Amino acid sequence: MNIYAFDVDDTLWLSGGPIQLQQLTYLKEQGHILGLCGNWAVVTQLLQGWHFLFSFVGPMEMGKAAFLSQIRTFVRAEHYIMIGNDGVTGASLDKQAAETAGWEFVMEKDFKDGL
């Protein structure tokens, strides 16, 4: 079992990103744990039944790296993977957070094409 943490803005379809609901449901059906590590309020407000798909939402009152570290510490999995983007600046804060927390980082466009 893997744990996937998804950034929201410019990553998921609900917020202008390339990753579609069908890709997420496929992962869930395969027995993986999915969660949000970004603008989770967009998902909870726009996706009815979001809680059947996502097991965690955050970060809340902490940075992404700290949030991902907490999950890695207390939830066991074979692999920890964060899917995000490099934002407008070209410097990926998502990648930096994932690497700081010991997670693998995958760009949203690569994830979309590779699944």
PDB file of N, CA and C in Angstrom:
ATOM      1  N   MET A   1       0.836  -1.175   0.000  1.00  0.00           N
ATOM      2  CA  MET A   1       0.000   0.000   0.000  1.00  0.00           C
ATOM      3  C   MET A   1       0.886   1.246   0.000  1.00  0.00           C
ATOM      4  N   ASN A   2       0.525   2.196  -0.832  1.00  0.00           N
ATOM      5  CA  ASN A   2       1.205   3.489  -0.902  1.00  0.00           C
ATOM      6  C   ASN A   2       0.303   4.568  -0.312  1.00  0.00           C
ATOM      7  N   ILE A   3       0.928   5.635   0.110  1.00  0.00           N
ATOM      8  CA  ILE A   3       0.180   6.828   0.515  1.00  0.00           C
ATOM      9  C   ILE A   3       0.499   7.920  -0.489  1.00  0.00           C
ATOM     10  N   TYR A   4      -0.554   8.493  -1.047  1.00  0.00           N
ATOM     11  CA  TYR A   4      -0.434   9.585  -2.014  1.00  0.00           C
ATOM     12  C   TYR A   4      -1.008  10.854  -1.386  1.00  0.00           C
ATOM     13  N   ALA A   5      -0.216  11.915  -1.382  1.00  0.00           N
ATOM     14  CA  ALA A   5      -0.672  13.220  -0.920  1.00  0.00           C
ATOM     15  C   ALA A   5      -0.710  14.147  -2.133  1.00  0.00           C
ATOM     16  N   PHE A   6      -1.869  14.702  -2.406  1.00  0.00           N
ATOM     17  CA  PHE A   6      -2.056  15.551  -3.582  1.00  0.00           C
ATOM     18  C   PHE A   6      -2.150  17.016  -3.196  1.00  0.00           C
ATOM     19  N   ASP A   7      -1.343  17.834  -3.859  1.00  0.00           N
ATOM     20  CA  ASP A   7      -1.566  19.264  -3.818  1.00  0.00           C
ATOM     21  C   ASP A   7      -2.896  19.480  -4.544  1.00  0.00           C
ATOM     22  N   VAL A   8      -3.527  20.604  -4.387  1.00  0.00           N
ATOM     23  CA  VAL A   8      -4.826  20.829  -5.024  1.00  0.00           C
ATOM     24  C   VAL A   8      -4.719  21.836  -6.169  1.00  0.00           C
ATOM     25  N   ASP A   9      -4.313  23.060  -5.882  1.00  0.00           N
ATOM     26  CA  ASP A   9      -4.277  24.114  -6.898  1.00  0.00           C
ATOM     27  C   ASP A   9      -3.339  23.738  -8.046  1.00  0.00           C
ATOM     28  N   ASP A  10      -3.867  23.781  -9.241  1.00  0.00           N
ATOM     29  CA  ASP A  10      -3.133  23.456 -10.466  1.00  0.00           C
ATOM     30  C   ASP A  10      -2.660  22.000 -10.521  1.00  0.00           C
ATOM     31  N   THR A  11      -3.192  21.159  -9.634  1.00  0.00           N
ATOM     32  CA  THR A  11      -2.868  19.733  -9.632  1.00  0.00           C
ATOM     33  C   THR A  11      -4.120  18.906  -9.900  1.00  0.00           C
ATOM     34  N   LEU A  12      -5.180  19.126  -9.132  1.00  0.00           N
ATOM     35  CA  LEU A  12      -6.436  18.386  -9.318  1.00  0.00           C
ATOM     36  C   LEU A  12      -7.382  19.142 -10.251  1.00  0.00           C
ATOM     37  N   TRP A  13      -8.206  18.407 -10.957  1.00  0.00           N
ATOM     38  CA  TRP A  13      -9.158  18.963 -11.926  1.00  0.00           C
ATOM     39  C   TRP A  13     -10.056  20.031 -11.330  1.00  0.00           C
ATOM     40  N   LEU A  14     -10.373  19.946 -10.049  1.00  0.00           N
ATOM     41  CA  LEU A  14     -11.254  20.916  -9.397  1.00  0.00           C
ATOM     42  C   LEU A  14     -10.645  22.310  -9.332  1.00  0.00           C
ATOM     43  N   SER A  15      -9.335  22.365  -9.492  1.00  0.00           N
ATOM     44  CA  SER A  15      -8.638  23.631  -9.345  1.00  0.00           C
ATOM     45  C   SER A  15      -7.659  23.867 -10.497  1.00  0.00           C
ATOM     46  N   GLY A  16      -8.099  23.516 -11.697  1.00  0.00           N
ATOM     47  CA  GLY A  16      -7.324  23.812 -12.897  1.00  0.00           C
ATOM     48  C   GLY A  16      -6.174  22.873 -13.205  1.00  0.00           C
ATOM     49  N   GLY A  17      -6.101  21.745 -12.536  1.00  0.00           N
ATOM     50  CA  GLY A  17      -5.003  20.810 -12.768  1.00  0.00           C
ATOM     51  C   GLY A  17      -5.383  19.654 -13.673  1.00  0.00           C
ATOM     52  N   PRO A  18      -4.396  18.869 -14.079  1.00  0.00           N
ATOM     53  CA  PRO A  18      -4.632  17.794 -15.035  1.00  0.00           C
ATOM     54  C   PRO A  18      -5.108  16.468 -14.436  1.00  0.00           C
ATOM     55  N   ILE A  19      -4.988  16.275 -13.137  1.00  0.00           N
ATOM     56  CA  ILE A  19      -5.338  14.980 -12.548  1.00  0.00           C
ATOM     57  C   ILE A  19      -6.843  14.895 -12.345  1.00  0.00           C
ATOM     58  N   GLN A  20      -7.418  13.853 -12.935  1.00  0.00           N
ATOM     59  CA  GLN A  20      -8.870  13.683 -12.965  1.00  0.00           C
ATOM     60  C   GLN A  20      -9.362  12.745 -11.851  1.00  0.00           C
ATOM     61  N   LEU A  21     -10.626  12.861 -11.526  1.00  0.00           N
ATOM     62  CA  LEU A  21     -11.262  12.043 -10.497  1.00  0.00           C
ATOM     63  C   LEU A  21     -11.078  10.550 -10.771  1.00  0.00           C
ATOM     64  N   GLN A  22     -11.165  10.134 -12.022  1.00  0.00           N
ATOM     65  CA  GLN A  22     -11.042   8.722 -12.365  1.00  0.00           C
ATOM     66  C   GLN A  22      -9.679   8.157 -11.957  1.00  0.00           C
ATOM     67  N   GLN A  23      -8.641   8.950 -12.074  1.00  0.00           N
ATOM     68  CA  GLN A  23      -7.310   8.501 -11.673  1.00  0.00           C
ATOM     69  C   GLN A  23      -7.242   8.275 -10.162  1.00  0.00           C
ATOM     70  N   LEU A  24      -7.889   9.146  -9.425  1.00  0.00           N
ATOM     71  CA  LEU A  24      -7.887   9.020  -7.972  1.00  0.00           C
ATOM     72  C   LEU A  24      -8.702   7.813  -7.524  1.00  0.00           C
ATOM     73  N   THR A  25      -9.858   7.622  -8.120  1.00  0.00           N
ATOM     74  CA  THR A  25     -10.680   6.474  -7.732  1.00  0.00           C
ATOM     75  C   THR A  25      -9.989   5.163  -8.083  1.00  0.00           C
ATOM     76  N   TYR A  26      -9.233   5.138  -9.163  1.00  0.00           N
ATOM     77  CA  TYR A  26      -8.475   3.947  -9.526  1.00  0.00           C
ATOM     78  C   TYR A  26      -7.472   3.601  -8.420  1.00  0.00           C
ATOM     79  N   LEU A  27      -6.729   4.593  -7.945  1.00  0.00           N
ATOM     80  CA  LEU A  27      -5.764   4.353  -6.870  1.00  0.00           C
ATOM     81  C   LEU A  27      -6.446   3.849  -5.603  1.00  0.00           C
ATOM     82  N   LYS A  28      -7.569   4.457  -5.266  1.00  0.00           N
ATOM     83  CA  LYS A  28      -8.319   4.056  -4.075  1.00  0.00           C
ATOM     84  C   LYS A  28      -8.791   2.611  -4.208  1.00  0.00           C
ATOM     85  N   GLU A  29      -9.279   2.243  -5.379  1.00  0.00           N
ATOM     86  CA  GLU A  29      -9.738   0.868  -5.618  1.00  0.00           C
ATOM     87  C   GLU A  29      -8.592  -0.134  -5.516  1.00  0.00           C
ATOM     88  N   GLN A  30      -7.370   0.302  -5.772  1.00  0.00           N
ATOM     89  CA  GLN A  30      -6.194  -0.557  -5.673  1.00  0.00           C
ATOM     90  C   GLN A  30      -5.719  -0.715  -4.229  1.00  0.00           C
ATOM     91  N   GLY A  31      -6.374  -0.026  -3.296  1.00  0.00           N
ATOM     92  CA  GLY A  31      -6.049  -0.169  -1.883  1.00  0.00           C
ATOM     93  C   GLY A  31      -5.074   0.839  -1.322  1.00  0.00           C
ATOM     94  N   HIS A  32      -4.791   1.890  -2.069  1.00  0.00           N
ATOM     95  CA  HIS A  32      -3.865   2.922  -1.599  1.00  0.00           C
ATOM     96  C   HIS A  32      -4.618   3.966  -0.774  1.00  0.00           C
ATOM     97  N   ILE A  33      -3.873   4.686   0.040  1.00  0.00           N
ATOM     98  CA  ILE A  33      -4.430   5.775   0.844  1.00  0.00           C
ATOM     99  C   ILE A  33      -4.176   7.080   0.113  1.00  0.00           C
ATOM    100  N   LEU A  34      -5.219   7.900  -0.021  1.00  0.00           N
ATOM    101  CA  LEU A  34      -5.116   9.193  -0.690  1.00  0.00           C
ATOM    102  C   LEU A  34      -5.402  10.303   0.306  1.00  0.00           C
ATOM    103  N   GLY A  35      -4.711  11.412   0.145  1.00  0.00           N
ATOM    104  CA  GLY A  35      -4.951  12.558   0.990  1.00  0.00           C
ATOM    105  C   GLY A  35      -4.625  13.846   0.264  1.00  0.00           C
ATOM    106  N   LEU A  36      -4.911  14.937   0.929  1.00  0.00           N
ATOM    107  CA  LEU A  36      -4.690  16.265   0.362  1.00  0.00           C
ATOM    108  C   LEU A  36      -3.637  16.997   1.164  1.00  0.00           C
ATOM    109  N   CYS A  37      -2.714  17.621   0.454  1.00  0.00           N
ATOM    110  CA  CYS A  37      -1.672  18.420   1.083  1.00  0.00           C
ATOM    111  C   CYS A  37      -1.598  19.732   0.310  1.00  0.00           C
ATOM    112  N   GLY A  38      -2.574  20.559   0.533  1.00  0.00           N
ATOM    113  CA  GLY A  38      -2.678  21.813  -0.192  1.00  0.00           C
ATOM    114  C   GLY A  38      -4.004  22.476   0.130  1.00  0.00           C
ATOM    115  N   ASN A  39      -4.575  23.119  -0.833  1.00  0.00           N
ATOM    116  CA  ASN A  39      -5.817  23.875  -0.648  1.00  0.00           C
ATOM    117  C   ASN A  39      -7.009  22.929  -0.516  1.00  0.00           C
ATOM    118  N   TRP A  40      -7.038  22.185   0.564  1.00  0.00           N
ATOM    119  CA  TRP A  40      -8.043  21.144   0.786  1.00  0.00           C
ATOM    120  C   TRP A  40      -9.471  21.695   0.842  1.00  0.00           C
ATOM    121  N   ALA A  41      -9.631  22.949   1.208  1.00  0.00           N
ATOM    122  CA  ALA A  41     -10.975  23.532   1.308  1.00  0.00           C
ATOM    123  C   ALA A  41     -11.700  23.515  -0.036  1.00  0.00           C
ATOM    124  N   VAL A  42     -10.966  23.654  -1.137  1.00  0.00           N
ATOM    125  CA  VAL A  42     -11.587  23.581  -2.467  1.00  0.00           C
ATOM    126  C   VAL A  42     -12.259  22.229  -2.648  1.00  0.00           C
ATOM    127  N   VAL A  43     -11.566  21.170  -2.258  1.00  0.00           N
ATOM    128  CA  VAL A  43     -12.100  19.816  -2.437  1.00  0.00           C
ATOM    129  C   VAL A  43     -13.284  19.573  -1.514  1.00  0.00           C
ATOM    130  N   THR A  44     -13.158  19.938  -0.255  1.00  0.00           N
ATOM    131  CA  THR A  44     -14.244  19.664   0.685  1.00  0.00           C
ATOM    132  C   THR A  44     -15.502  20.466   0.365  1.00  0.00           C
ATOM    133  N   GLN A  45     -15.339  21.606  -0.290  1.00  0.00           N
ATOM    134  CA  GLN A  45     -16.496  22.420  -0.648  1.00  0.00           C
ATOM    135  C   GLN A  45     -17.112  22.029  -1.982  1.00  0.00           C
ATOM    136  N   LEU A  46     -16.313  21.496  -2.903  1.00  0.00           N
ATOM    137  CA  LEU A  46     -16.816  21.239  -4.255  1.00  0.00           C
ATOM    138  C   LEU A  46     -17.085  19.770  -4.584  1.00  0.00           C
ATOM    139  N   LEU A  47     -16.479  18.859  -3.851  1.00  0.00           N
ATOM    140  CA  LEU A  47     -16.612  17.440  -4.178  1.00  0.00           C
ATOM    141  C   LEU A  47     -17.478  16.737  -3.141  1.00  0.00           C
ATOM    142  N   GLN A  48     -18.705  16.473  -3.518  1.00  0.00           N
ATOM    143  CA  GLN A  48     -19.610  15.763  -2.623  1.00  0.00           C
ATOM    144  C   GLN A  48     -19.065  14.354  -2.380  1.00  0.00           C
ATOM    145  N   GLY A  49     -19.054  13.932  -1.139  1.00  0.00           N
ATOM    146  CA  GLY A  49     -18.537  12.617  -0.788  1.00  0.00           C
ATOM    147  C   GLY A  49     -17.017  12.543  -0.765  1.00  0.00           C
ATOM    148  N   TRP A  50     -16.345  13.680  -0.658  1.00  0.00           N
ATOM    149  CA  TRP A  50     -14.876  13.736  -0.670  1.00  0.00           C
ATOM    150  C   TRP A  50     -14.266  12.802   0.373  1.00  0.00           C
ATOM    151  N   HIS A  51     -14.965  12.635   1.495  1.00  0.00           N
ATOM    152  CA  HIS A  51     -14.426  11.840   2.605  1.00  0.00           C
ATOM    153  C   HIS A  51     -14.385  10.337   2.304  1.00  0.00           C
ATOM    154  N   PHE A  52     -15.061   9.901   1.257  1.00  0.00           N
ATOM    155  CA  PHE A  52     -14.963   8.503   0.847  1.00  0.00           C
ATOM    156  C   PHE A  52     -13.703   8.253   0.017  1.00  0.00           C
ATOM    157  N   LEU A  53     -13.124   9.301  -0.507  1.00  0.00           N
ATOM    158  CA  LEU A  53     -11.947   9.200  -1.360  1.00  0.00           C
ATOM    159  C   LEU A  53     -10.651   9.544  -0.612  1.00  0.00           C
ATOM    160  N   PHE A  54     -10.698  10.589   0.186  1.00  0.00           N
ATOM    161  CA  PHE A  54      -9.501  11.079   0.861  1.00  0.00           C
ATOM    162  C   PHE A  54      -9.519  10.727   2.344  1.00  0.00           C
ATOM    163  N   SER A  55      -8.405  10.220   2.828  1.00  0.00           N
ATOM    164  CA  SER A  55      -8.282   9.820   4.225  1.00  0.00           C
ATOM    165  C   SER A  55      -7.724  10.922   5.113  1.00  0.00           C
ATOM    166  N   PHE A  56      -7.075  11.916   4.520  1.00  0.00           N
ATOM    167  CA  PHE A  56      -6.552  13.017   5.318  1.00  0.00           C
ATOM    168  C   PHE A  56      -6.578  14.307   4.503  1.00  0.00           C
ATOM    169  N   VAL A  57      -6.696  15.424   5.216  1.00  0.00           N
ATOM    170  CA  VAL A  57      -6.664  16.749   4.600  1.00  0.00           C
ATOM    171  C   VAL A  57      -5.724  17.620   5.414  1.00  0.00           C
ATOM    172  N   GLY A  58      -5.012  18.488   4.727  1.00  0.00           N
ATOM    173  CA  GLY A  58      -4.101  19.382   5.423  1.00  0.00           C
ATOM    174  C   GLY A  58      -3.239  20.107   4.415  1.00  0.00           C
ATOM    175  N   PRO A  59      -2.297  20.850   4.844  1.00  0.00           N
ATOM    176  CA  PRO A  59      -1.927  21.051   6.235  1.00  0.00           C
ATOM    177  C   PRO A  59      -2.816  22.087   6.916  1.00  0.00           C
ATOM    178  N   MET A  60      -2.919  21.965   8.195  1.00  0.00           N
ATOM    179  CA  MET A  60      -3.668  22.932   8.992  1.00  0.00           C
ATOM    180  C   MET A  60      -2.743  23.472  10.066  1.00  0.00           C
ATOM    181  N   GLU A  61      -2.499  24.749  10.030  1.00  0.00           N
ATOM    182  CA  GLU A  61      -1.667  25.417  11.035  1.00  0.00           C
ATOM    183  C   GLU A  61      -0.239  24.893  11.081  1.00  0.00           C
ATOM    184  N   MET A  62       0.243  24.315   9.971  1.00  0.00           N
ATOM    185  CA  MET A  62       1.646  23.899   9.884  1.00  0.00           C
ATOM    186  C   MET A  62       2.036  23.884   8.419  1.00  0.00           C
ATOM    187  N   GLY A  63       3.297  23.852   8.137  1.00  0.00           N
ATOM    188  CA  GLY A  63       3.765  23.797   6.765  1.00  0.00           C
ATOM    189  C   GLY A  63       3.590  22.403   6.168  1.00  0.00           C
ATOM    190  N   LYS A  64       3.725  22.321   4.847  1.00  0.00           N
ATOM    191  CA  LYS A  64       3.558  21.047   4.156  1.00  0.00           C
ATOM    192  C   LYS A  64       4.580  20.010   4.604  1.00  0.00           C
ATOM    193  N   ALA A  65       5.830  20.413   4.768  1.00  0.00           N
ATOM    194  CA  ALA A  65       6.872  19.457   5.164  1.00  0.00           C
ATOM    195  C   ALA A  65       6.562  18.843   6.527  1.00  0.00           C
ATOM    196  N   ALA A  66       6.152  19.659   7.482  1.00  0.00           N
ATOM    197  CA  ALA A  66       5.809  19.154   8.815  1.00  0.00           C
ATOM    198  C   ALA A  66       4.597  18.226   8.747  1.00  0.00           C
ATOM    199  N   PHE A  67       3.622  18.591   7.950  1.00  0.00           N
ATOM    200  CA  PHE A  67       2.417  17.777   7.791  1.00  0.00           C
ATOM    201  C   PHE A  67       2.769  16.407   7.209  1.00  0.00           C
ATOM    202  N   LEU A  68       3.558  16.397   6.144  1.00  0.00           N
ATOM    203  CA  LEU A  68       3.957  15.134   5.524  1.00  0.00           C
ATOM    204  C   LEU A  68       4.817  14.299   6.466  1.00  0.00           C
ATOM    205  N   SER A  69       5.672  14.938   7.247  1.00  0.00           N
ATOM    206  CA  SER A  69       6.491  14.216   8.221  1.00  0.00           C
ATOM    207  C   SER A  69       5.627  13.522   9.268  1.00  0.00           C
ATOM    208  N   GLN A  70       4.579  14.187   9.718  1.00  0.00           N
ATOM    209  CA  GLN A  70       3.670  13.586  10.694  1.00  0.00           C
ATOM    210  C   GLN A  70       2.991  12.338  10.128  1.00  0.00           C
ATOM    211  N   ILE A  71       2.554  12.425   8.885  1.00  0.00           N
ATOM    212  CA  ILE A  71       1.914  11.264   8.263  1.00  0.00           C
ATOM    213  C   ILE A  71       2.908  10.113   8.142  1.00  0.00           C
ATOM    214  N   ARG A  72       4.104  10.410   7.676  1.00  0.00           N
ATOM    215  CA  ARG A  72       5.128   9.365   7.520  1.00  0.00           C
ATOM    216  C   ARG A  72       5.479   8.721   8.869  1.00  0.00           C
ATOM    217  N   THR A  73       5.479   9.506   9.917  1.00  0.00           N
ATOM    218  CA  THR A  73       5.808   8.989  11.245  1.00  0.00           C
ATOM    219  C   THR A  73       4.733   8.057  11.792  1.00  0.00           C
ATOM    220  N   PHE A  74       3.469   8.383  11.560  1.00  0.00           N
ATOM    221  CA  PHE A  74       2.400   7.667  12.244  1.00  0.00           C
ATOM    222  C   PHE A  74       1.537   6.764  11.368  1.00  0.00           C
ATOM    223  N   VAL A  75       1.734   6.789  10.063  1.00  0.00           N
ATOM    224  CA  VAL A  75       0.952   5.924   9.169  1.00  0.00           C
ATOM    225  C   VAL A  75       1.932   5.122   8.316  1.00  0.00           C
ATOM    226  N   ARG A  76       1.934   3.828   8.486  1.00  0.00           N
ATOM    227  CA  ARG A  76       2.880   2.963   7.775  1.00  0.00           C
ATOM    228  C   ARG A  76       2.418   2.680   6.354  1.00  0.00           C
ATOM    229  N   ALA A  77       3.376   2.692   5.430  1.00  0.00           N
ATOM    230  CA  ALA A  77       3.103   2.399   4.022  1.00  0.00           C
ATOM    231  C   ALA A  77       4.406   1.942   3.371  1.00  0.00           C
ATOM    232  N   GLU A  78       4.281   1.363   2.187  1.00  0.00           N
ATOM    233  CA  GLU A  78       5.470   0.972   1.431  1.00  0.00           C
ATOM    234  C   GLU A  78       6.162   2.192   0.832  1.00  0.00           C
ATOM    235  N   HIS A  79       5.355   3.104   0.274  1.00  0.00           N
ATOM    236  CA  HIS A  79       5.890   4.302  -0.371  1.00  0.00           C
ATOM    237  C   HIS A  79       5.041   5.507   0.006  1.00  0.00           C
ATOM    238  N   TYR A  80       5.704   6.647   0.099  1.00  0.00           N
ATOM    239  CA  TYR A  80       5.051   7.924   0.388  1.00  0.00           C
ATOM    240  C   TYR A  80       5.320   8.830  -0.803  1.00  0.00           C
ATOM    241  N   ILE A  81       4.248   9.248  -1.476  1.00  0.00           N
ATOM    242  CA  ILE A  81       4.395   9.983  -2.723  1.00  0.00           C
ATOM    243  C   ILE A  81       3.540  11.244  -2.673  1.00  0.00           C
ATOM    244  N   MET A  82       4.168  12.382  -2.924  1.00  0.00           N
ATOM    245  CA  MET A  82       3.419  13.628  -3.037  1.00  0.00           C
ATOM    246  C   MET A  82       3.382  14.043  -4.498  1.00  0.00           C
ATOM    247  N   ILE A  83       2.182  14.416  -4.938  1.00  0.00           N
ATOM    248  CA  ILE A  83       1.996  14.887  -6.303  1.00  0.00           C
ATOM    249  C   ILE A  83       1.649  16.364  -6.220  1.00  0.00           C
ATOM    250  N   GLY A  84       2.428  17.176  -6.920  1.00  0.00           N
ATOM    251  CA  GLY A  84       2.203  18.614  -6.886  1.00  0.00           C
ATOM    252  C   GLY A  84       2.761  19.273  -8.122  1.00  0.00           C
ATOM    253  N   ASN A  85       3.056  20.541  -8.002  1.00  0.00           N
ATOM    254  CA  ASN A  85       3.544  21.303  -9.157  1.00  0.00           C
ATOM    255  C   ASN A  85       4.608  22.286  -8.709  1.00  0.00           C
ATOM    256  N   ASP A  86       5.122  23.024  -9.695  1.00  0.00           N
ATOM    257  CA  ASP A  86       6.178  23.981  -9.368  1.00  0.00           C
ATOM    258  C   ASP A  86       5.656  25.408  -9.261  1.00  0.00           C
ATOM    259  N   GLY A  87       4.347  25.565  -9.286  1.00  0.00           N
ATOM    260  CA  GLY A  87       3.770  26.898  -9.123  1.00  0.00           C
ATOM    261  C   GLY A  87       4.157  27.833 -10.244  1.00  0.00           C
ATOM    262  N   VAL A  88       3.948  29.070 -10.041  1.00  0.00           N
ATOM    263  CA  VAL A  88       4.190  30.060 -11.083  1.00  0.00           C
ATOM    264  C   VAL A  88       5.656  30.453 -11.178  1.00  0.00           C
ATOM    265  N   THR A  89       6.366  30.316 -10.097  1.00  0.00           N
ATOM    266  CA  THR A  89       7.736  30.810 -10.058  1.00  0.00           C
ATOM    267  C   THR A  89       8.740  29.856 -10.689  1.00  0.00           C
ATOM    268  N   GLY A  90       8.384  28.608 -10.813  1.00  0.00           N
ATOM    269  CA  GLY A  90       9.322  27.614 -11.314  1.00  0.00           C
ATOM    270  C   GLY A  90      10.086  26.930 -10.199  1.00  0.00           C
ATOM    271  N   ALA A  91      10.027  27.466  -8.992  1.00  0.00           N
ATOM    272  CA  ALA A  91      10.654  26.823  -7.831  1.00  0.00           C
ATOM    273  C   ALA A  91       9.576  26.023  -7.109  1.00  0.00           C
ATOM    274  N   SER A  92       9.770  24.734  -7.027  1.00  0.00           N
ATOM    275  CA  SER A  92       8.729  23.887  -6.474  1.00  0.00           C
ATOM    276  C   SER A  92       8.781  23.811  -4.960  1.00  0.00           C
ATOM    277  N   LEU A  93       7.859  24.488  -4.325  1.00  0.00           N
ATOM    278  CA  LEU A  93       7.738  24.379  -2.878  1.00  0.00           C
ATOM    279  C   LEU A  93       7.184  23.008  -2.503  1.00  0.00           C
ATOM    280  N   ASP A  94       6.360  22.424  -3.374  1.00  0.00           N
ATOM    281  CA  ASP A  94       5.838  21.082  -3.138  1.00  0.00           C
ATOM    282  C   ASP A  94       6.978  20.070  -3.136  1.00  0.00           C
ATOM    283  N   LYS A  95       7.859  20.172  -4.094  1.00  0.00           N
ATOM    284  CA  LYS A  95       8.991  19.251  -4.171  1.00  0.00           C
ATOM    285  C   LYS A  95       9.891  19.401  -2.949  1.00  0.00           C
ATOM    286  N   GLN A  96      10.160  20.618  -2.579  1.00  0.00           N
ATOM    287  CA  GLN A  96      11.003  20.883  -1.413  1.00  0.00           C
ATOM    288  C   GLN A  96      10.373  20.298  -0.148  1.00  0.00           C
ATOM    289  N   ALA A  97       9.067  20.494   0.020  1.00  0.00           N
ATOM    290  CA  ALA A  97       8.375  19.951   1.197  1.00  0.00           C
ATOM    291  C   ALA A  97       8.427  18.433   1.210  1.00  0.00           C
ATOM    292  N   ALA A  98       8.169  17.819   0.063  1.00  0.00           N
ATOM    293  CA  ALA A  98       8.192  16.359  -0.029  1.00  0.00           C
ATOM    294  C   ALA A  98       9.572  15.819   0.319  1.00  0.00           C
ATOM    295  N   GLU A  99      10.604  16.395  -0.269  1.00  0.00           N
ATOM    296  CA  GLU A  99      11.962  15.912  -0.028  1.00  0.00           C
ATOM    297  C   GLU A  99      12.378  16.120   1.427  1.00  0.00           C
ATOM    298  N   THR A 100      11.994  17.235   2.012  1.00  0.00           N
ATOM    299  CA  THR A 100      12.304  17.501   3.415  1.00  0.00           C
ATOM    300  C   THR A 100      11.669  16.448   4.319  1.00  0.00           C
ATOM    301  N   ALA A 101      10.468  16.002   3.957  1.00  0.00           N
ATOM    302  CA  ALA A 101       9.733  15.022   4.766  1.00  0.00           C
ATOM    303  C   ALA A 101      10.082  13.577   4.413  1.00  0.00           C
ATOM    304  N   GLY A 102      10.953  13.376   3.438  1.00  0.00           N
ATOM    305  CA  GLY A 102      11.326  12.024   3.053  1.00  0.00           C
ATOM    306  C   GLY A 102      10.343  11.340   2.128  1.00  0.00           C
ATOM    307  N   TRP A 103       9.559  12.133   1.419  1.00  0.00           N
ATOM    308  CA  TRP A 103       8.584  11.607   0.462  1.00  0.00           C
ATOM    309  C   TRP A 103       9.151  11.723  -0.949  1.00  0.00           C
ATOM    310  N   GLU A 104       8.700  10.830  -1.823  1.00  0.00           N
ATOM    311  CA  GLU A 104       8.998  10.961  -3.253  1.00  0.00           C
ATOM    312  C   GLU A 104       8.109  12.072  -3.805  1.00  0.00           C
ATOM    313  N   PHE A 105       8.619  12.845  -4.750  1.00  0.00           N
ATOM    314  CA  PHE A 105       7.820  13.899  -5.368  1.00  0.00           C
ATOM    315  C   PHE A 105       7.617  13.588  -6.843  1.00  0.00           C
ATOM    316  N   VAL A 106       6.376  13.759  -7.310  1.00  0.00           N
ATOM    317  CA  VAL A 106       6.042  13.566  -8.722  1.00  0.00           C
ATOM    318  C   VAL A 106       5.276  14.795  -9.195  1.00  0.00           C
ATOM    319  N   MET A 107       5.725  15.366 -10.299  1.00  0.00           N
ATOM    320  CA  MET A 107       5.004  16.503 -10.891  1.00  0.00           C
ATOM    321  C   MET A 107       3.645  16.037 -11.379  1.00  0.00           C
ATOM    322  N   GLU A 108       2.654  16.894 -11.255  1.00  0.00           N
ATOM    323  CA  GLU A 108       1.280  16.547 -11.612  1.00  0.00           C
ATOM    324  C   GLU A 108       1.168  16.096 -13.062  1.00  0.00           C
ATOM    325  N   LYS A 109       1.865  16.738 -13.979  1.00  0.00           N
ATOM    326  CA  LYS A 109       1.771  16.367 -15.398  1.00  0.00           C
ATOM    327  C   LYS A 109       2.398  14.993 -15.642  1.00  0.00           C
ATOM    328  N   ASP A 110       3.469  14.661 -14.903  1.00  0.00           N
ATOM    329  CA  ASP A 110       4.091  13.345 -15.037  1.00  0.00           C
ATOM    330  C   ASP A 110       3.197  12.256 -14.436  1.00  0.00           C
ATOM    331  N   PHE A 111       2.569  12.559 -13.332  1.00  0.00           N
ATOM    332  CA  PHE A 111       1.649  11.615 -12.701  1.00  0.00           C
ATOM    333  C   PHE A 111       0.477  11.320 -13.635  1.00  0.00           C
ATOM    334  N   LYS A 112      -0.088  12.371 -14.197  1.00  0.00           N
ATOM    335  CA  LYS A 112      -1.233  12.223 -15.102  1.00  0.00           C
ATOM    336  C   LYS A 112      -0.871  11.323 -16.282  1.00  0.00           C
ATOM    337  N   ASP A 113       0.309  11.530 -16.837  1.00  0.00           N
ATOM    338  CA  ASP A 113       0.724  10.761 -18.005  1.00  0.00           C
ATOM    339  C   ASP A 113       1.168   9.340 -17.665  1.00  0.00           C
ATOM    340  N   GLY A 114       1.619   9.129 -16.417  1.00  0.00           N
ATOM    341  CA  GLY A 114       2.181   7.839 -16.039  1.00  0.00           C
ATOM    342  C   GLY A 114       1.220   6.841 -15.448  1.00  0.00           C
ATOM    343  N   LEU A 115       0.032   7.278 -15.079  1.00  0.00           N
ATOM    344  CA  LEU A 115      -0.896   6.358 -14.418  1.00  0.00           C
ATOM    345  C   LEU A 115      -1.717   5.587 -15.409  1.00  0.00           C
TER     346      LEU A 115
END
